[in-house]
PDB file of N, CA and C in Angstrom:
ATOM      1  N   MET A   1     257.347  71.854  21.999  1.00  0.00           N
ATOM      2  CA  MET A   1     256.346  72.679  22.162  1.00  0.00           C
ATOM      3  C   MET A   1     254.778  72.185  21.981  1.00  0.00           C
ATOM      4  N   PRO A   2     254.154  72.604  22.658  1.00  0.00           N
ATOM      5  CA  PRO A   2     252.055  72.293  22.342  1.00  0.00           C
ATOM      6  C   PRO A   2     251.841  72.773  21.441  1.00  0.00           C
ATOM      7  N   ALA A   3     250.779  72.184  20.816  1.00  0.00           N
ATOM      8  CA  ALA A   3     250.266  72.286  19.687  1.00  0.00           C
ATOM      9  C   ALA A   3     249.174  73.288  19.506  1.00  0.00           C
ATOM     10  N   ASP A   4     248.881  74.001  20.552  1.00  0.00           N
ATOM     11  CA  ASP A   4     248.355  75.116  20.450  1.00  0.00           C
ATOM     12  C   ASP A   4     248.819  76.529  19.997  1.00  0.00           C
ATOM     13  N   ARG A   5     249.943  76.489  20.033  1.00  0.00           N
ATOM     14  CA  ARG A   5     251.079  77.408  19.997  1.00  0.00           C
ATOM     15  C   ARG A   5     251.529  77.636  18.792  1.00  0.00           C
ATOM     16  N   THR A   6     251.738  78.711  17.938  1.00  0.00           N
ATOM     17  CA  THR A   6     252.245  78.520  16.576  1.00  0.00           C
ATOM     18  C   THR A   6     252.830  79.474  16.378  1.00  0.00           C
ATOM     19  N   ILE A   7     254.579  79.896  16.058  1.00  0.00           N
ATOM     20  CA  ILE A   7     255.098  80.815  15.719  1.00  0.00           C
ATOM     21  C   ILE A   7     254.556  82.096  14.882  1.00  0.00           C
ATOM     22  N   ASN A   8     254.974  83.202  15.876  1.00  0.00           N
ATOM     23  CA  ASN A   8     254.363  84.778  15.272  1.00  0.00           C
ATOM     24  C   ASN A   8     255.517  85.082  14.292  1.00  0.00           C
ATOM     25  N   TRP A   9     255.578  84.711  13.229  1.00  0.00           N
ATOM     26  CA  TRP A   9     256.651  84.904  12.141  1.00  0.00           C
ATOM     27  C   TRP A   9     256.565  86.645  11.872  1.00  0.00           C
ATOM     28  N   PRO A  10     256.026  87.264  12.271  1.00  0.00           N
ATOM     29  CA  PRO A  10     256.366  88.790  11.943  1.00  0.00           C
ATOM     30  C   PRO A  10     256.899  89.270  13.292  1.00  0.00           C
ATOM     31  N   SER A  11     256.773  88.965  14.399  1.00  0.00           N
ATOM     32  CA  SER A  11     257.605  89.317  15.385  1.00  0.00           C
ATOM     33  C   SER A  11     259.029  88.866  15.385  1.00  0.00           C
ATOM     34  N   VAL A  12     258.615  87.346  15.277  1.00  0.00           N
ATOM     35  CA  VAL A  12     260.107  86.940  14.691  1.00  0.00           C
ATOM     36  C   VAL A  12     261.015  87.599  14.013  1.00  0.00           C
ATOM     37  N   THR A  13     260.593  87.923  12.833  1.00  0.00           N
ATOM     38  CA  THR A  13     261.241  88.351  11.755  1.00  0.00           C
ATOM     39  C   THR A  13     261.331  89.982  12.241  1.00  0.00           C
ATOM     40  N   THR A  14     261.016  90.797  12.681  1.00  0.00           N
ATOM     41  CA  THR A  14     261.539  91.668  13.331  1.00  0.00           C
ATOM     42  C   THR A  14     262.508  91.660  14.266  1.00  0.00           C
ATOM     43  N   ILE A  15     262.275  90.807  15.275  1.00  0.00           N
ATOM     44  CA  ILE A  15     263.787  90.629  15.862  1.00  0.00           C
ATOM     45  C   ILE A  15     264.869  90.469  15.515  1.00  0.00           C
ATOM     46  N   LEU A  16     265.111  89.502  14.695  1.00  0.00           N
ATOM     47  CA  LEU A  16     266.196  89.184  14.121  1.00  0.00           C
ATOM     48  C   LEU A  16     266.778  89.987  12.625  1.00  0.00           C
ATOM     49  N   SER A  17     265.584  90.950  12.584  1.00  0.00           N
ATOM     50  CA  SER A  17     266.024  92.135  11.850  1.00  0.00           C
ATOM     51  C   SER A  17     266.894  93.180  12.330  1.00  0.00           C
ATOM     52  N   ALA A  18     266.417  93.600  13.167  1.00  0.00           N
ATOM     53  CA  ALA A  18     266.940  94.479  14.283  1.00  0.00           C
ATOM     54  C   ALA A  18     268.125  93.905  14.675  1.00  0.00           C
ATOM     55  N   ALA A  19     268.409  92.677  15.249  1.00  0.00           N
ATOM     56  CA  ALA A  19     269.282  91.828  16.095  1.00  0.00           C
ATOM     57  C   ALA A  19     270.265  92.162  14.703  1.00  0.00           C
ATOM     58  N   ILE A  20     270.065  92.123  13.573  1.00  0.00           N
ATOM     59  CA  ILE A  20     271.147  91.666  12.045  1.00  0.00           C
ATOM     60  C   ILE A  20     271.489  93.397  12.178  1.00  0.00           C
ATOM     61  N   LEU A  21     270.571  94.280  12.304  1.00  0.00           N
ATOM     62  CA  LEU A  21     271.444  95.597  12.125  1.00  0.00           C
ATOM     63  C   LEU A  21     272.217  96.091  13.159  1.00  0.00           C
ATOM     64  N   ILE A  22     271.693  96.264  14.262  1.00  0.00           N
ATOM     65  CA  ILE A  22     272.483  96.163  15.529  1.00  0.00           C
ATOM     66  C   ILE A  22     273.707  95.826  15.976  1.00  0.00           C
ATOM     67  N   GLY A  23     273.913  93.930  15.355  1.00  0.00           N
ATOM     68  CA  GLY A  23     275.147  93.219  15.482  1.00  0.00           C
ATOM     69  C   GLY A  23     275.961  93.721  14.445  1.00  0.00           C
ATOM     70  N   THR A  24     275.704  94.159  13.269  1.00  0.00           N
ATOM     71  CA  THR A  24     276.667  94.449  11.915  1.00  0.00           C
ATOM     72  C   THR A  24     277.327  96.048  12.670  1.00  0.00           C
ATOM     73  N   GLU A  25     276.247  96.902  13.612  1.00  0.00           N
ATOM     74  CA  GLU A  25     276.936  98.348  13.866  1.00  0.00           C
ATOM     75  C   GLU A  25     278.179  97.836  15.431  1.00  0.00           C
ATOM     76  N   LEU A  26     277.280  96.917  16.199  1.00  0.00           N
ATOM     77  CA  LEU A  26     278.627  96.775  17.300  1.00  0.00           C
ATOM     78  C   LEU A  26     279.680  95.896  16.304  1.00  0.00           C
ATOM     79  N   MET A  27     279.773  95.039  15.499  1.00  0.00           N
ATOM     80  CA  MET A  27     280.453  94.483  15.366  1.00  0.00           C
ATOM     81  C   MET A  27     281.491  95.661  14.576  1.00  0.00           C
ATOM     82  N   GLY A  28     281.043  96.382  13.924  1.00  0.00           N
ATOM     83  CA  GLY A  28     281.596  97.111  13.262  1.00  0.00           C
ATOM     84  C   GLY A  28     282.284  98.367  14.177  1.00  0.00           C
ATOM     85  N   ALA A  29     282.097  98.783  14.678  1.00  0.00           N
ATOM     86  CA  ALA A  29     281.991  99.707  15.927  1.00  0.00           C
ATOM     87  C   ALA A  29     283.358  98.872  16.869  1.00  0.00           C
ATOM     88  N   ALA A  30     283.289  97.867  16.953  1.00  0.00           N
ATOM     89  CA  ALA A  30     284.555  97.200  17.650  1.00  0.00           C
ATOM     90  C   ALA A  30     285.628  96.682  16.761  1.00  0.00           C
ATOM     91  N   TRP A  31     285.725  96.395  15.642  1.00  0.00           N
ATOM     92  CA  TRP A  31     286.731  96.524  14.628  1.00  0.00           C
ATOM     93  C   TRP A  31     287.167  97.612  14.709  1.00  0.00           C
ATOM     94  N   ALA A  32     286.872  98.990  14.712  1.00  0.00           N
ATOM     95  CA  ALA A  32     286.875 100.251  14.319  1.00  0.00           C
ATOM     96  C   ALA A  32     287.643 100.476  15.879  1.00  0.00           C
ATOM     97  N   SER A  33     287.334 100.383  17.154  1.00  0.00           N
ATOM     98  CA  SER A  33     287.793 100.838  18.178  1.00  0.00           C
ATOM     99  C   SER A  33     289.236 100.103  18.210  1.00  0.00           C
ATOM    100  N   GLY A  34     289.223  98.610  18.087  1.00  0.00           N
ATOM    101  CA  GLY A  34     290.572  98.104  18.281  1.00  0.00           C
ATOM    102  C   GLY A  34     291.637  98.556  17.421  1.00  0.00           C
ATOM    103  N   TRP A  35     291.093  98.704  16.142  1.00  0.00           N
ATOM    104  CA  TRP A  35     292.166  99.337  15.415  1.00  0.00           C
ATOM    105  C   TRP A  35     292.630 100.903  16.226  1.00  0.00           C
ATOM    106  N   ALA A  36     291.840 101.614  16.234  1.00  0.00           N
ATOM    107  CA  ALA A  36     291.662 102.879  16.769  1.00  0.00           C
ATOM    108  C   ALA A  36     292.741 102.887  17.536  1.00  0.00           C
ATOM    109  N   ILE A  37     292.033 102.713  19.092  1.00  0.00           N
ATOM    110  CA  ILE A  37     293.362 102.065  20.149  1.00  0.00           C
ATOM    111  C   ILE A  37     294.716 101.885  19.624  1.00  0.00           C
ATOM    112  N   ALA A  38     294.950 100.651  18.943  1.00  0.00           N
ATOM    113  CA  ALA A  38     295.608 100.174  18.642  1.00  0.00           C
ATOM    114  C   ALA A  38     296.206 101.320  17.917  1.00  0.00           C
ATOM    115  N   GLY A  39     296.257 101.416  17.146  1.00  0.00           N
ATOM    116  CA  GLY A  39     296.882 102.944  16.349  1.00  0.00           C
ATOM    117  C   GLY A  39     297.418 104.378  16.718  1.00  0.00           C
ATOM    118  N   TRP A  40     296.612 104.288  17.668  1.00  0.00           N
ATOM    119  CA  TRP A  40     296.814 105.850  18.741  1.00  0.00           C
ATOM    120  C   TRP A  40     297.986 105.580  19.872  1.00  0.00           C
ATOM    121  N   PHE A  41     297.731 104.175  20.521  1.00  0.00           N
ATOM    122  CA  PHE A  41     299.071 104.112  21.274  1.00  0.00           C
ATOM    123  C   PHE A  41     300.086 103.420  20.390  1.00  0.00           C
ATOM    124  N   GLN A  42     299.922 103.183  19.083  1.00  0.00           N
ATOM    125  CA  GLN A  42     301.152 102.553  18.975  1.00  0.00           C
ATOM    126  C   GLN A  42     301.544 101.341  19.131  1.00  0.00           C
ATOM    127  N   LEU A  43     300.506 100.549  19.570  1.00  0.00           N
ATOM    128  CA  LEU A  43     300.658  99.254  20.419  1.00  0.00           C
ATOM    129  C   LEU A  43     300.858  98.135  19.218  1.00  0.00           C
ATOM    130  N   GLY A  44     300.892  97.770  18.194  1.00  0.00           N
ATOM    131  CA  GLY A  44     300.945  96.914  17.144  1.00  0.00           C
ATOM    132  C   GLY A  44     300.138  95.884  16.555  1.00  0.00           C
ATOM    133  N   SER A  45     300.271  95.134  15.702  1.00  0.00           N
ATOM    134  CA  SER A  45     299.018  94.340  15.230  1.00  0.00           C
ATOM    135  C   SER A  45     298.680  93.440  15.891  1.00  0.00           C
ATOM    136  N   THR A  46     299.240  92.576  16.484  1.00  0.00           N
ATOM    137  CA  THR A  46     299.154  91.467  17.129  1.00  0.00           C
ATOM    138  C   THR A  46     298.132  92.311  18.725  1.00  0.00           C
ATOM    139  N   VAL A  47     298.525  93.446  19.286  1.00  0.00           N
ATOM    140  CA  VAL A  47     297.323  93.941  20.403  1.00  0.00           C
ATOM    141  C   VAL A  47     296.585  94.485  19.932  1.00  0.00           C
ATOM    142  N   GLU A  48     296.309  94.848  18.166  1.00  0.00           N
ATOM    143  CA  GLU A  48     295.443  95.326  17.744  1.00  0.00           C
ATOM    144  C   GLU A  48     294.333  94.294  17.516  1.00  0.00           C
ATOM    145  N   THR A  49     294.980  92.810  16.923  1.00  0.00           N
ATOM    146  CA  THR A  49     293.385  91.705  17.109  1.00  0.00           C
ATOM    147  C   THR A  49     293.672  91.745  17.865  1.00  0.00           C
ATOM    148  N   ILE A  50     294.230  91.460  19.104  1.00  0.00           N
ATOM    149  CA  ILE A  50     293.601  91.241  20.465  1.00  0.00           C
ATOM    150  C   ILE A  50     292.438  92.196  21.163  1.00  0.00           C
ATOM    151  N   LEU A  51     292.949  93.725  20.877  1.00  0.00           N
ATOM    152  CA  LEU A  51     291.670  94.519  21.278  1.00  0.00           C
ATOM    153  C   LEU A  51     290.550  94.188  20.303  1.00  0.00           C
ATOM    154  N   GLN A  52     290.608  93.715  19.226  1.00  0.00           N
ATOM    155  CA  GLN A  52     289.464  93.513  18.032  1.00  0.00           C
ATOM    156  C   GLN A  52     288.960  92.484  18.197  1.00  0.00           C
ATOM    157  N   VAL A  53     289.468  91.414  19.076  1.00  0.00           N
ATOM    158  CA  VAL A  53     288.722  90.017  19.493  1.00  0.00           C
ATOM    159  C   VAL A  53     287.882  89.928  20.532  1.00  0.00           C
ATOM    160  N   VAL A  54     288.542  91.192  21.630  1.00  0.00           N
ATOM    161  CA  VAL A  54     288.204  91.492  23.005  1.00  0.00           C
ATOM    162  C   VAL A  54     286.500  92.453  22.508  1.00  0.00           C
ATOM    163  N   PHE A  55     287.089  93.456  22.375  1.00  0.00           N
ATOM    164  CA  PHE A  55     285.452  94.412  21.676  1.00  0.00           C
ATOM    165  C   PHE A  55     284.671  93.399  20.594  1.00  0.00           C
ATOM    166  N   GLY A  56     284.950  92.605  20.150  1.00  0.00           N
ATOM    167  CA  GLY A  56     284.101  91.991  19.097  1.00  0.00           C
ATOM    168  C   GLY A  56     283.290  90.764  20.549  1.00  0.00           C
ATOM    169  N   LEU A  57     284.197  90.244  21.010  1.00  0.00           N
ATOM    170  CA  LEU A  57     283.282  89.340  22.068  1.00  0.00           C
ATOM    171  C   LEU A  57     282.309  89.935  22.718  1.00  0.00           C
ATOM    172  N   ALA A  58     282.316  91.241  23.540  1.00  0.00           N
ATOM    173  CA  ALA A  58     281.810  92.212  24.481  1.00  0.00           C
ATOM    174  C   ALA A  58     280.135  92.755  23.122  1.00  0.00           C
ATOM    175  N   ALA A  59     280.687  92.911  22.091  1.00  0.00           N
ATOM    176  CA  ALA A  59     279.417  93.048  20.926  1.00  0.00           C
ATOM    177  C   ALA A  59     278.717  91.478  20.770  1.00  0.00           C
ATOM    178  N   LEU A  60     279.496  90.724  20.877  1.00  0.00           N
ATOM    179  CA  LEU A  60     278.541  89.535  20.686  1.00  0.00           C
ATOM    180  C   LEU A  60     277.619  89.215  21.873  1.00  0.00           C
ATOM    181  N   PHE A  61     278.198  89.860  22.784  1.00  0.00           N
ATOM    182  CA  PHE A  61     276.853  89.342  24.365  1.00  0.00           C
ATOM    183  C   PHE A  61     276.021  90.548  24.370  1.00  0.00           C
ATOM    184  N   ALA A  62     276.615  91.430  23.725  1.00  0.00           N
ATOM    185  CA  ALA A  62     275.306  92.888  23.501  1.00  0.00           C
ATOM    186  C   ALA A  62     274.593  92.279  23.125  1.00  0.00           C
ATOM    187  N   ILE A  63     275.047  91.811  21.632  1.00  0.00           N
ATOM    188  CA  ILE A  63     273.727  90.621  20.739  1.00  0.00           C
ATOM    189  C   ILE A  63     272.806  90.077  21.264  1.00  0.00           C
ATOM    190  N   PHE A  64     273.260  89.561  22.114  1.00  0.00           N
ATOM    191  CA  PHE A  64     272.442  88.137  22.682  1.00  0.00           C
ATOM    192  C   PHE A  64     271.558  88.492  23.716  1.00  0.00           C
ATOM    193  N   VAL A  65     272.057  89.968  24.673  1.00  0.00           N
ATOM    194  CA  VAL A  65     271.240  90.278  25.504  1.00  0.00           C
ATOM    195  C   VAL A  65     269.786  91.049  25.096  1.00  0.00           C
ATOM    196  N   PHE A  66     270.213  91.603  23.996  1.00  0.00           N
ATOM    197  CA  PHE A  66     269.528  92.435  23.221  1.00  0.00           C
ATOM    198  C   PHE A  66     268.298  91.864  22.502  1.00  0.00           C
ATOM    199  N   VAL A  67     268.760  90.149  21.757  1.00  0.00           N
ATOM    200  CA  VAL A  67     267.948  89.373  21.581  1.00  0.00           C
ATOM    201  C   VAL A  67     266.991  88.416  22.653  1.00  0.00           C
ATOM    202  N   ARG A  68     267.503  88.482  23.307  1.00  0.00           N
ATOM    203  CA  ARG A  68     266.821  87.807  24.753  1.00  0.00           C
ATOM    204  C   ARG A  68     265.661  88.867  25.193  1.00  0.00           C
ATOM    205  N   ALA A  69     266.331  90.209  25.626  1.00  0.00           N
ATOM    206  CA  ALA A  69     265.072  90.940  26.502  1.00  0.00           C
ATOM    207  C   ALA A  69     264.048  91.313  24.946  1.00  0.00           C
ATOM    208  N   ALA A  70     264.267  91.338  23.817  1.00  0.00           N
ATOM    209  CA  ALA A  70     263.583  91.716  22.381  1.00  0.00           C
ATOM    210  C   ALA A  70     262.711  90.433  22.405  1.00  0.00           C
ATOM    211  N   PHE A  71     262.941  89.295  22.424  1.00  0.00           N
ATOM    212  CA  PHE A  71     261.987  87.871  22.777  1.00  0.00           C
ATOM    213  C   PHE A  71     260.811  87.914  24.245  1.00  0.00           C
ATOM    214  N   ARG A  72     261.753  88.521  25.135  1.00  0.00           N
ATOM    215  CA  ARG A  72     260.694  88.818  26.402  1.00  0.00           C
ATOM    216  C   ARG A  72     259.661  89.598  26.034  1.00  0.00           C
ATOM    217  N   VAL A  73     259.770  90.770  25.031  1.00  0.00           N
ATOM    218  CA  VAL A  73     258.957  91.658  25.131  1.00  0.00           C
ATOM    219  C   VAL A  73     257.943  91.300  23.894  1.00  0.00           C
ATOM    220  N   GLU A  74     258.662  91.268  23.014  1.00  0.00           N
ATOM    221  CA  GLU A  74     258.168  90.471  21.346  1.00  0.00           C
ATOM    222  C   GLU A  74     257.822  89.496  21.748  1.00  0.00           C
ATOM    223  N   PRO A  75     256.022  89.802  21.094  1.00  0.00           N
ATOM    224  CA  PRO A  75     255.586  87.946  21.793  1.00  0.00           C
ATOM    225  C   PRO A  75     255.936  86.903  20.272  1.00  0.00           C
ATOM    226  N   ALA A  76     256.266  85.949  20.805  1.00  0.00           N
ATOM    227  CA  ALA A  76     257.268  85.473  19.176  1.00  0.00           C
ATOM    228  C   ALA A  76     256.098  84.181  18.931  1.00  0.00           C
ATOM    229  N   PHE A  77     255.407  83.429  19.958  1.00  0.00           N
ATOM    230  CA  PHE A  77     254.674  82.456  19.888  1.00  0.00           C
ATOM    231  C   PHE A  77     253.125  83.195  20.084  1.00  0.00           C
ATOM    232  N   LYS A  78     251.996  82.908  19.004  1.00  0.00           N
ATOM    233  CA  LYS A  78     250.688  82.959  18.999  1.00  0.00           C
ATOM    234  C   LYS A  78     249.731  81.901  19.813  1.00  0.00           C
ATOM    235  N   ARG A  79     248.943  82.175  20.808  1.00  0.00           N
ATOM    236  CA  ARG A  79     248.000  81.138  21.133  1.00  0.00           C
ATOM    237  C   ARG A  79     247.063  81.136  20.322  1.00  0.00           C
TER     238      ARG A  79
END
């Protein structure tokens, strides 16, 4: 990192705070979706866990995409 760039802490804090909020909601929805689908179709606890893991991985990917896009839009460094 060049010496003339400093971290823009308000922007970084905003992005990370939004990522925590959105990530918590997505992970909760992933867990609840796996539970609901497995319960609705009476698939058993093993399939429920598999669905929760699959939906959780999709949620983690969505969080990653959000953070990457947010850092492109929001200036993370001051010049």
